[in-house]
Amino acid sequence: MLLYADLGRTGQTRRYIGAGPFRIKLGYSPGVRLRFNGGDVDLQPFTRRDVANLTVGANAQSGDASEPTPST
């Protein structure tokens, strides 16, 4: 389910609250700072051709609720 889609502008902030996991796709990840549960998320491991695909919120494999994982 798509929650939100838009072109971001310089300086804009988005905040989402809810029960995870959250699947995120960022169309130009070098221009984004992503924070989750108070910590910065390194987008580089999830980025190909400037597009980042990742899931945050519930890592069922490790039980860690904050560790991002790749998504497709």
Protein backbone atom coordinates (compact mmCIF):
# COMPACT_ATOMS: atom_id res chain seq x y z
CA MET A 1 0.00 0.00 0.00
CA LEU A 2 1.34 3.42 -0.93
CA LEU A 3 1.03 5.91 1.91
CA TYR A 4 2.63 8.96 0.32
CA ALA A 5 4.23 10.05 -2.95
CA ASP A 6 5.51 13.52 -3.83
CA LEU A 7 8.49 15.48 -5.06
CA GLY A 8 10.34 16.89 -2.08
CA ARG A 9 11.63 20.43 -1.92
CA THR A 10 14.82 21.67 -0.31
CA GLY A 11 14.40 21.98 3.44
CA GLN A 12 11.13 20.04 3.67
CA THR A 13 10.57 17.57 6.47
CA ARG A 14 8.18 14.63 6.52
CA ARG A 15 7.22 12.77 9.68
CA TYR A 16 5.26 9.53 9.83
CA ILE A 17 4.10 7.76 12.97
CA GLY A 18 2.64 4.27 13.08
CA ALA A 19 3.27 0.60 13.50
CA GLY A 20 6.01 -0.75 11.22
CA PRO A 21 7.43 -2.16 9.24
CA PHE A 22 7.73 0.71 6.78
CA ARG A 23 8.81 0.00 3.20
CA ILE A 24 10.52 3.07 1.77
CA LYS A 25 11.51 4.00 -1.78
CA LEU A 26 13.42 7.24 -2.28
CA GLY A 27 13.77 8.44 -5.85
CA TYR A 28 16.89 10.54 -5.27
CA SER A 29 18.49 9.24 -2.10
CA PRO A 30 21.65 11.41 -2.21
CA GLY A 31 19.37 14.39 -1.47
CA VAL A 32 17.71 12.76 1.56
CA ARG A 33 18.50 12.48 5.24
CA LEU A 34 16.48 9.64 6.76
CA ARG A 35 16.06 9.24 10.51
CA PHE A 36 14.27 6.36 12.20
CA ASN A 37 13.59 6.12 15.94
CA GLY A 38 15.98 9.00 16.59
CA GLY A 39 18.93 7.65 14.59
CA ASP A 40 20.29 8.39 11.14
CA VAL A 41 19.89 5.65 8.52
CA ASP A 42 22.78 5.09 6.09
CA LEU A 43 21.06 4.85 2.70
CA GLN A 44 24.17 3.92 0.71
CA PRO A 45 23.87 0.13 1.19
CA PHE A 46 20.29 0.26 -0.13
CA THR A 47 20.90 2.61 -3.07
CA ARG A 48 21.31 1.70 -6.74
CA ARG A 49 21.37 4.41 -9.42
CA ASP A 50 20.42 7.04 -6.79
CA VAL A 51 17.23 5.15 -5.80
CA ALA A 52 17.06 3.65 -2.30
CA ASN A 53 14.76 0.74 -1.41
CA LEU A 54 14.64 -0.35 2.22
CA THR A 55 12.38 -1.47 5.04
CA VAL A 56 12.61 -0.13 8.59
CA GLY A 57 10.63 -0.99 11.67
CA ALA A 58 10.61 -4.73 12.18
CA ASN A 59 13.41 -7.07 11.23
CA ALA A 60 11.81 -10.45 11.81
CA GLN A 61 15.09 -12.29 11.16
CA SER A 62 17.13 -10.61 13.89
CA GLY A 63 14.37 -9.33 16.15
CA ASP A 64 15.93 -5.85 15.97
CA ALA A 65 13.13 -3.32 15.56
CA SER A 66 15.34 -0.56 14.17
CA GLU A 67 17.81 -2.18 11.75
CA PRO A 68 16.97 -1.35 8.11
CA THR A 69 16.79 -4.17 5.58
CA PRO A 70 16.72 -4.16 1.76
CA SER A 71 13.32 -4.23 0.09
CA THR A 72 12.29 -4.74 -3.51
